[in-house]
């Protein structure tokens, strides 16, 4: 958001963004996860990682994602690591 947006108008800007993202969801490929607009600046993503494999089972991928989550949380400065999907 531009720094010129007044505080009283912020919620409307976020609502417009949520609506536009929601409208765009229908044009995404099948199997795409739900898009989320996060306006809680305490939860800002600095990095997005994805896992994909044709050789491993879903359970193996989940186990690896859990391992990655634990390892990333050990990195100094990391406050939160989330898994989705």
PDB file of N, CA and C in Angstrom:
ATOM      1  N   UNK A   1       0.836  -1.186   0.000  1.00  0.00           N
ATOM      2  CA  UNK A   1       0.000   0.000   0.000  1.00  0.00           C
ATOM      3  C   UNK A   1       0.875   1.240   0.000  1.00  0.00           C
ATOM      4  N   UNK A   2       0.396   2.244  -0.658  1.00  0.00           N
ATOM      5  CA  UNK A   2       1.124   3.503  -0.699  1.00  0.00           C
ATOM      6  C   UNK A   2       1.095   4.153   0.675  1.00  0.00           C
ATOM      7  N   UNK A   3       2.170   4.845   1.007  1.00  0.00           N
ATOM      8  CA  UNK A   3       2.230   5.514   2.308  1.00  0.00           C
ATOM      9  C   UNK A   3       1.241   6.673   2.381  1.00  0.00           C
ATOM     10  N   UNK A   4       0.681   7.071   1.239  1.00  0.00           N
ATOM     11  CA  UNK A   4      -0.279   8.172   1.231  1.00  0.00           C
ATOM     12  C   UNK A   4      -1.691   7.728   1.614  1.00  0.00           C
ATOM     13  N   UNK A   5      -1.918   6.428   1.771  1.00  0.00           N
ATOM     14  CA  UNK A   5      -3.241   5.931   2.155  1.00  0.00           C
ATOM     15  C   UNK A   5      -3.480   6.266   3.615  1.00  0.00           C
ATOM     16  N   UNK A   6      -4.608   6.889   3.875  1.00  0.00           N
ATOM     17  CA  UNK A   6      -4.936   7.266   5.244  1.00  0.00           C
ATOM     18  C   UNK A   6      -5.407   6.048   6.028  1.00  0.00           C
ATOM     19  N   UNK A   7      -5.129   6.060   7.322  1.00  0.00           N
ATOM     20  CA  UNK A   7      -5.458   4.925   8.185  1.00  0.00           C
ATOM     21  C   UNK A   7      -6.936   4.564   8.105  1.00  0.00           C
ATOM     22  N   UNK A   8      -7.800   5.568   7.998  1.00  0.00           N
ATOM     23  CA  UNK A   8      -9.246   5.303   7.957  1.00  0.00           C
ATOM     24  C   UNK A   8      -9.665   4.552   6.692  1.00  0.00           C
ATOM     25  N   UNK A   9      -8.817   4.590   5.651  1.00  0.00           N
ATOM     26  CA  UNK A   9      -9.135   3.933   4.384  1.00  0.00           C
ATOM     27  C   UNK A   9      -8.483   2.558   4.229  1.00  0.00           C
ATOM     28  N   UNK A  10      -7.621   2.186   5.157  1.00  0.00           N
ATOM     29  CA  UNK A  10      -6.860   0.940   5.015  1.00  0.00           C
ATOM     30  C   UNK A  10      -7.747  -0.291   4.900  1.00  0.00           C
ATOM     31  N   UNK A  11      -8.752  -0.393   5.750  1.00  0.00           N
ATOM     32  CA  UNK A  11      -9.601  -1.593   5.742  1.00  0.00           C
ATOM     33  C   UNK A  11     -10.282  -1.769   4.388  1.00  0.00           C
ATOM     34  N   UNK A  12     -10.726  -0.661   3.790  1.00  0.00           N
ATOM     35  CA  UNK A  12     -11.365  -0.754   2.474  1.00  0.00           C
ATOM     36  C   UNK A  12     -10.361  -1.215   1.419  1.00  0.00           C
ATOM     37  N   UNK A  13      -9.124  -0.735   1.484  1.00  0.00           N
ATOM     38  CA  UNK A  13      -8.096  -1.184   0.542  1.00  0.00           C
ATOM     39  C   UNK A  13      -7.856  -2.681   0.682  1.00  0.00           C
ATOM     40  N   UNK A  14      -7.745  -3.164   1.932  1.00  0.00           N
ATOM     41  CA  UNK A  14      -7.535  -4.597   2.160  1.00  0.00           C
ATOM     42  C   UNK A  14      -8.729  -5.402   1.667  1.00  0.00           C
ATOM     43  N   UNK A  15      -9.946  -4.906   1.919  1.00  0.00           N
ATOM     44  CA  UNK A  15     -11.151  -5.605   1.451  1.00  0.00           C
ATOM     45  C   UNK A  15     -11.185  -5.687  -0.076  1.00  0.00           C
ATOM     46  N   UNK A  16     -10.811  -4.595  -0.750  1.00  0.00           N
ATOM     47  CA  UNK A  16     -10.758  -4.611  -2.219  1.00  0.00           C
ATOM     48  C   UNK A  16      -9.738  -5.629  -2.709  1.00  0.00           C
ATOM     49  N   UNK A  17      -8.586  -5.684  -2.056  1.00  0.00           N
ATOM     50  CA  UNK A  17      -7.556  -6.649  -2.441  1.00  0.00           C
ATOM     51  C   UNK A  17      -8.051  -8.078  -2.234  1.00  0.00           C
ATOM     52  N   UNK A  18      -8.682  -8.342  -1.086  1.00  0.00           N
ATOM     53  CA  UNK A  18      -9.227  -9.680  -0.820  1.00  0.00           C
ATOM     54  C   UNK A  18     -10.237 -10.080  -1.897  1.00  0.00           C
ATOM     55  N   UNK A  19     -11.104  -9.145  -2.286  1.00  0.00           N
ATOM     56  CA  UNK A  19     -12.117  -9.428  -3.310  1.00  0.00           C
ATOM     57  C   UNK A  19     -11.448  -9.747  -4.645  1.00  0.00           C
ATOM     58  N   UNK A  20     -10.453  -8.961  -5.032  1.00  0.00           N
ATOM     59  CA  UNK A  20      -9.767  -9.193  -6.305  1.00  0.00           C
ATOM     60  C   UNK A  20      -9.015 -10.521  -6.299  1.00  0.00           C
ATOM     61  N   UNK A  21      -8.373 -10.839  -5.192  1.00  0.00           N
ATOM     62  CA  UNK A  21      -7.669 -12.120  -5.088  1.00  0.00           C
ATOM     63  C   UNK A  21      -8.675 -13.266  -5.140  1.00  0.00           C
ATOM     64  N   UNK A  22      -9.792 -13.114  -4.456  1.00  0.00           N
ATOM     65  CA  UNK A  22     -10.836 -14.137  -4.494  1.00  0.00           C
ATOM     66  C   UNK A  22     -11.393 -14.334  -5.893  1.00  0.00           C
ATOM     67  N   UNK A  23     -11.602 -13.235  -6.613  1.00  0.00           N
ATOM     68  CA  UNK A  23     -12.102 -13.323  -7.991  1.00  0.00           C
ATOM     69  C   UNK A  23     -11.095 -14.035  -8.892  1.00  0.00           C
ATOM     70  N   UNK A  24      -9.813 -13.792  -8.674  1.00  0.00           N
ATOM     71  CA  UNK A  24      -8.766 -14.401  -9.501  1.00  0.00           C
ATOM     72  C   UNK A  24      -8.603 -15.888  -9.206  1.00  0.00           C
ATOM     73  N   UNK A  25      -9.045 -16.341  -8.053  1.00  0.00           N
ATOM     74  CA  UNK A  25      -8.887 -17.736  -7.648  1.00  0.00           C
ATOM     75  C   UNK A  25      -9.485 -18.686  -8.682  1.00  0.00           C
ATOM     76  N   UNK A  26     -10.609 -18.301  -9.264  1.00  0.00           N
ATOM     77  CA  UNK A  26     -11.293 -19.170 -10.232  1.00  0.00           C
ATOM     78  C   UNK A  26     -10.472 -19.397 -11.498  1.00  0.00           C
ATOM     79  N   UNK A  27      -9.539 -18.499 -11.791  1.00  0.00           N
ATOM     80  CA  UNK A  27      -8.750 -18.640 -13.021  1.00  0.00           C
ATOM     81  C   UNK A  27      -7.440 -19.393 -12.798  1.00  0.00           C
ATOM     82  N   UNK A  28      -7.190 -19.824 -11.568  1.00  0.00           N
ATOM     83  CA  UNK A  28      -5.969 -20.575 -11.277  1.00  0.00           C
ATOM     84  C   UNK A  28      -6.139 -22.039 -11.686  1.00  0.00           C
ATOM     85  N   UNK A  29      -5.039 -22.748 -11.922  1.00  0.00           N
ATOM     86  CA  UNK A  29      -5.127 -24.151 -12.342  1.00  0.00           C
ATOM     87  C   UNK A  29      -5.796 -25.030 -11.285  1.00  0.00           C
ATOM     88  N   UNK A  30      -6.423 -26.124 -11.715  1.00  0.00           N
ATOM     89  CA  UNK A  30      -7.031 -27.061 -10.766  1.00  0.00           C
ATOM     90  C   UNK A  30      -5.991 -27.554  -9.762  1.00  0.00           C
ATOM     91  N   UNK A  31      -6.410 -27.702  -8.521  1.00  0.00           N
ATOM     92  CA  UNK A  31      -5.512 -28.191  -7.486  1.00  0.00           C
ATOM     93  C   UNK A  31      -4.731 -27.099  -6.789  1.00  0.00           C
ATOM     94  N   UNK A  32      -4.860 -25.863  -7.268  1.00  0.00           N
ATOM     95  CA  UNK A  32      -4.167 -24.746  -6.635  1.00  0.00           C
ATOM     96  C   UNK A  32      -4.808 -24.471  -5.289  1.00  0.00           C
ATOM     97  N   UNK A  33      -3.987 -24.242  -4.284  1.00  0.00           N
ATOM     98  CA  UNK A  33      -4.504 -23.942  -2.959  1.00  0.00           C
ATOM     99  C   UNK A  33      -5.236 -22.610  -2.935  1.00  0.00           C
ATOM    100  N   UNK A  34      -5.965 -22.376  -1.867  1.00  0.00           N
ATOM    101  CA  UNK A  34      -6.709 -21.143  -1.702  1.00  0.00           C
ATOM    102  C   UNK A  34      -5.759 -19.984  -1.450  1.00  0.00           C
ATOM    103  N   UNK A  35      -5.957 -18.891  -2.166  1.00  0.00           N
ATOM    104  CA  UNK A  35      -5.140 -17.694  -1.981  1.00  0.00           C
ATOM    105  C   UNK A  35      -5.578 -16.970  -0.718  1.00  0.00           C
ATOM    106  N   UNK A  36      -4.613 -16.414  -0.012  1.00  0.00           N
ATOM    107  CA  UNK A  36      -4.887 -15.730   1.249  1.00  0.00           C
ATOM    108  C   UNK A  36      -4.247 -14.353   1.211  1.00  0.00           C
ATOM    109  N   UNK A  37      -4.986 -13.341   1.643  1.00  0.00           N
ATOM    110  CA  UNK A  37      -4.431 -12.002   1.821  1.00  0.00           C
ATOM    111  C   UNK A  37      -4.188 -11.835   3.310  1.00  0.00           C
ATOM    112  N   UNK A  38      -2.934 -11.683   3.687  1.00  0.00           N
ATOM    113  CA  UNK A  38      -2.554 -11.580   5.087  1.00  0.00           C
ATOM    114  C   UNK A  38      -2.227 -10.129   5.404  1.00  0.00           C
ATOM    115  N   UNK A  39      -3.091  -9.477   6.174  1.00  0.00           N
ATOM    116  CA  UNK A  39      -2.830  -8.091   6.546  1.00  0.00           C
ATOM    117  C   UNK A  39      -2.349  -7.974   7.989  1.00  0.00           C
ATOM    118  N   UNK A  40      -1.988  -9.092   8.588  1.00  0.00           N
ATOM    119  CA  UNK A  40      -1.399  -9.095   9.927  1.00  0.00           C
ATOM    120  C   UNK A  40       0.111  -9.010   9.754  1.00  0.00           C
ATOM    121  N   UNK A  41       0.658  -7.828   9.944  1.00  0.00           N
ATOM    122  CA  UNK A  41       2.071  -7.625   9.663  1.00  0.00           C
ATOM    123  C   UNK A  41       2.984  -8.299  10.675  1.00  0.00           C
ATOM    124  N   UNK A  42       2.402  -8.924  11.687  1.00  0.00           N
ATOM    125  CA  UNK A  42       3.200  -9.746  12.581  1.00  0.00           C
ATOM    126  C   UNK A  42       3.531 -11.085  11.942  1.00  0.00           C
ATOM    127  N   UNK A  43       2.801 -11.443  10.899  1.00  0.00           N
ATOM    128  CA  UNK A  43       2.998 -12.703  10.175  1.00  0.00           C
ATOM    129  C   UNK A  43       3.354 -12.407   8.725  1.00  0.00           C
ATOM    130  N   UNK A  44       4.544 -11.946   8.501  1.00  0.00           N
ATOM    131  CA  UNK A  44       4.979 -11.616   7.144  1.00  0.00           C
ATOM    132  C   UNK A  44       5.884 -12.724   6.639  1.00  0.00           C
ATOM    133  N   UNK A  45       5.582 -13.251   5.450  1.00  0.00           N
ATOM    134  CA  UNK A  45       6.398 -14.302   4.859  1.00  0.00           C
ATOM    135  C   UNK A  45       7.609 -13.680   4.194  1.00  0.00           C
ATOM    136  N   UNK A  46       8.765 -14.199   4.516  1.00  0.00           N
ATOM    137  CA  UNK A  46       9.968 -13.757   3.847  1.00  0.00           C
ATOM    138  C   UNK A  46      10.389 -14.734   2.777  1.00  0.00           C
ATOM    139  N   UNK A  47       9.866 -15.958   2.846  1.00  0.00           N
ATOM    140  CA  UNK A  47      10.276 -16.996   1.915  1.00  0.00           C
ATOM    141  C   UNK A  47       9.137 -17.994   1.747  1.00  0.00           C
ATOM    142  N   UNK A  48       8.891 -18.380   0.527  1.00  0.00           N
ATOM    143  CA  UNK A  48       7.881 -19.390   0.223  1.00  0.00           C
ATOM    144  C   UNK A  48       8.584 -20.537  -0.476  1.00  0.00           C
ATOM    145  N   UNK A  49       8.438 -21.736   0.070  1.00  0.00           N
ATOM    146  CA  UNK A  49       9.071 -22.919  -0.512  1.00  0.00           C
ATOM    147  C   UNK A  49       7.985 -23.917  -0.887  1.00  0.00           C
ATOM    148  N   UNK A  50       8.225 -24.667  -1.943  1.00  0.00           N
ATOM    149  CA  UNK A  50       7.276 -25.702  -2.348  1.00  0.00           C
ATOM    150  C   UNK A  50       7.994 -27.035  -2.492  1.00  0.00           C
ATOM    151  N   UNK A  51       7.244 -28.102  -2.287  1.00  0.00           N
ATOM    152  CA  UNK A  51       7.753 -29.458  -2.492  1.00  0.00           C
ATOM    153  C   UNK A  51       6.895 -30.130  -3.553  1.00  0.00           C
ATOM    154  N   UNK A  52       7.539 -30.839  -4.444  1.00  0.00           N
ATOM    155  CA  UNK A  52       6.816 -31.581  -5.478  1.00  0.00           C
ATOM    156  C   UNK A  52       7.645 -32.798  -5.847  1.00  0.00           C
ATOM    157  N   UNK A  53       6.992 -33.939  -6.005  1.00  0.00           N
ATOM    158  CA  UNK A  53       7.717 -35.143  -6.383  1.00  0.00           C
ATOM    159  C   UNK A  53       6.778 -36.150  -7.018  1.00  0.00           C
ATOM    160  N   UNK A  54       7.301 -36.857  -7.982  1.00  0.00           N
ATOM    161  CA  UNK A  54       6.573 -37.984  -8.560  1.00  0.00           C
ATOM    162  C   UNK A  54       7.109 -39.298  -7.996  1.00  0.00           C
ATOM    163  N   UNK A  55       8.189 -39.229  -7.209  1.00  0.00           N
ATOM    164  CA  UNK A  55       8.861 -40.428  -6.714  1.00  0.00           C
ATOM    165  C   UNK A  55       8.555 -40.755  -5.256  1.00  0.00           C
ATOM    166  N   UNK A  56       8.016 -39.792  -4.493  1.00  0.00           N
ATOM    167  CA  UNK A  56       7.771 -40.007  -3.075  1.00  0.00           C
ATOM    168  C   UNK A  56       6.277 -39.971  -2.787  1.00  0.00           C
ATOM    169  N   UNK A  57       5.870 -40.689  -1.742  1.00  0.00           N
ATOM    170  CA  UNK A  57       4.463 -40.704  -1.346  1.00  0.00           C
ATOM    171  C   UNK A  57       4.117 -39.397  -0.642  1.00  0.00           C
ATOM    172  N   UNK A  58       2.822 -39.141  -0.519  1.00  0.00           N
ATOM    173  CA  UNK A  58       2.371 -37.953   0.196  1.00  0.00           C
ATOM    174  C   UNK A  58       2.881 -37.978   1.633  1.00  0.00           C
ATOM    175  N   UNK A  59       2.846 -39.125   2.278  1.00  0.00           N
ATOM    176  CA  UNK A  59       3.326 -39.253   3.663  1.00  0.00           C
ATOM    177  C   UNK A  59       4.811 -38.905   3.745  1.00  0.00           C
ATOM    178  N   UNK A  60       5.605 -39.391   2.795  1.00  0.00           N
ATOM    179  CA  UNK A  60       7.031 -39.073   2.789  1.00  0.00           C
ATOM    180  C   UNK A  60       7.250 -37.572   2.596  1.00  0.00           C
ATOM    181  N   UNK A  61       6.450 -36.968   1.739  1.00  0.00           N
ATOM    182  CA  UNK A  61       6.568 -35.527   1.513  1.00  0.00           C
ATOM    183  C   UNK A  61       6.178 -34.752   2.775  1.00  0.00           C
ATOM    184  N   UNK A  62       5.114 -35.194   3.451  1.00  0.00           N
ATOM    185  CA  UNK A  62       4.699 -34.542   4.690  1.00  0.00           C
ATOM    186  C   UNK A  62       5.785 -34.660   5.749  1.00  0.00           C
ATOM    187  N   UNK A  63       6.383 -35.839   5.875  1.00  0.00           N
ATOM    188  CA  UNK A  63       7.463 -36.036   6.844  1.00  0.00           C
ATOM    189  C   UNK A  63       8.647 -35.125   6.538  1.00  0.00           C
ATOM    190  N   UNK A  64       8.984 -34.994   5.263  1.00  0.00           N
ATOM    191  CA  UNK A  64      10.094 -34.128   4.874  1.00  0.00           C
ATOM    192  C   UNK A  64       9.759 -32.660   5.147  1.00  0.00           C
ATOM    193  N   UNK A  65       8.517 -32.262   4.881  1.00  0.00           N
ATOM    194  CA  UNK A  65       8.092 -30.889   5.164  1.00  0.00           C
ATOM    195  C   UNK A  65       8.184 -30.604   6.658  1.00  0.00           C
ATOM    196  N   UNK A  66       7.787 -31.565   7.492  1.00  0.00           N
ATOM    197  CA  UNK A  66       7.897 -31.401   8.945  1.00  0.00           C
ATOM    198  C   UNK A  66       9.353 -31.253   9.367  1.00  0.00           C
ATOM    199  N   UNK A  67      10.236 -32.061   8.785  1.00  0.00           N
ATOM    200  CA  UNK A  67      11.665 -31.962   9.077  1.00  0.00           C
ATOM    201  C   UNK A  67      12.197 -30.590   8.670  1.00  0.00           C
ATOM    202  N   UNK A  68      11.831 -30.135   7.485  1.00  0.00           N
ATOM    203  CA  UNK A  68      12.267 -28.813   7.029  1.00  0.00           C
ATOM    204  C   UNK A  68      11.770 -27.722   7.969  1.00  0.00           C
ATOM    205  N   UNK A  69      10.524 -27.843   8.421  1.00  0.00           N
ATOM    206  CA  UNK A  69       9.960 -26.853   9.329  1.00  0.00           C
ATOM    207  C   UNK A  69      10.781 -26.778  10.615  1.00  0.00           C
ATOM    208  N   UNK A  70      11.091 -27.940  11.187  1.00  0.00           N
ATOM    209  CA  UNK A  70      11.878 -27.955  12.429  1.00  0.00           C
ATOM    210  C   UNK A  70      13.264 -27.350  12.213  1.00  0.00           C
ATOM    211  N   UNK A  71      13.903 -27.675  11.099  1.00  0.00           N
ATOM    212  CA  UNK A  71      15.248 -27.165  10.826  1.00  0.00           C
ATOM    213  C   UNK A  71      15.238 -25.655  10.580  1.00  0.00           C
ATOM    214  N   UNK A  72      14.254 -25.174   9.841  1.00  0.00           N
ATOM    215  CA  UNK A  72      14.177 -23.742   9.545  1.00  0.00           C
ATOM    216  C   UNK A  72      13.906 -22.950  10.814  1.00  0.00           C
ATOM    217  N   UNK A  73      13.119 -23.519  11.736  1.00  0.00           N
ATOM    218  CA  UNK A  73      12.830 -22.821  12.987  1.00  0.00           C
ATOM    219  C   UNK A  73      14.079 -22.642  13.844  1.00  0.00           C
ATOM    220  N   UNK A  74      15.109 -23.425  13.589  1.00  0.00           N
ATOM    221  CA  UNK A  74      16.361 -23.293  14.332  1.00  0.00           C
ATOM    222  C   UNK A  74      17.212 -22.125  13.846  1.00  0.00           C
ATOM    223  N   UNK A  75      16.876 -21.573  12.686  1.00  0.00           N
ATOM    224  CA  UNK A  75      17.648 -20.466  12.122  1.00  0.00           C
ATOM    225  C   UNK A  75      17.387 -19.203  12.937  1.00  0.00           C
ATOM    226  N   UNK A  76      18.454 -18.531  13.328  1.00  0.00           N
ATOM    227  CA  UNK A  76      18.337 -17.314  14.121  1.00  0.00           C
ATOM    228  C   UNK A  76      17.517 -16.267  13.368  1.00  0.00           C
ATOM    229  N   UNK A  77      16.562 -15.669  14.064  1.00  0.00           N
ATOM    230  CA  UNK A  77      15.723 -14.635  13.471  1.00  0.00           C
ATOM    231  C   UNK A  77      14.409 -15.143  12.912  1.00  0.00           C
ATOM    232  N   UNK A  78      14.287 -16.450  12.742  1.00  0.00           N
ATOM    233  CA  UNK A  78      13.034 -17.013  12.232  1.00  0.00           C
ATOM    234  C   UNK A  78      12.034 -17.054  13.377  1.00  0.00           C
ATOM    235  N   UNK A  79      10.884 -16.456  13.160  1.00  0.00           N
ATOM    236  CA  UNK A  79       9.862 -16.392  14.203  1.00  0.00           C
ATOM    237  C   UNK A  79       8.750 -17.404  13.997  1.00  0.00           C
ATOM    238  N   UNK A  80       8.461 -17.717  12.733  1.00  0.00           N
ATOM    239  CA  UNK A  80       7.323 -18.590  12.465  1.00  0.00           C
ATOM    240  C   UNK A  80       7.551 -19.316  11.145  1.00  0.00           C
ATOM    241  N   UNK A  81       7.228 -20.606  11.132  1.00  0.00           N
ATOM    242  CA  UNK A  81       7.295 -21.407   9.910  1.00  0.00           C
ATOM    243  C   UNK A  81       5.966 -22.149   9.806  1.00  0.00           C
ATOM    244  N   UNK A  82       5.280 -21.979   8.689  1.00  0.00           N
ATOM    245  CA  UNK A  82       3.974 -22.607   8.491  1.00  0.00           C
ATOM    246  C   UNK A  82       4.025 -23.573   7.322  1.00  0.00           C
ATOM    247  N   UNK A  83       3.243 -24.639   7.442  1.00  0.00           N
ATOM    248  CA  UNK A  83       3.085 -25.601   6.354  1.00  0.00           C
ATOM    249  C   UNK A  83       1.632 -25.538   5.907  1.00  0.00           C
ATOM    250  N   UNK A  84       1.432 -25.471   4.606  1.00  0.00           N
ATOM    251  CA  UNK A  84       0.074 -25.455   4.048  1.00  0.00           C
ATOM    252  C   UNK A  84       0.012 -26.446   2.904  1.00  0.00           C
ATOM    253  N   UNK A  85      -1.133 -27.066   2.745  1.00  0.00           N
ATOM    254  CA  UNK A  85      -1.296 -27.968   1.615  1.00  0.00           C
ATOM    255  C   UNK A  85      -1.336 -29.404   2.018  1.00  0.00           C
TER     256      UNK A  85
END
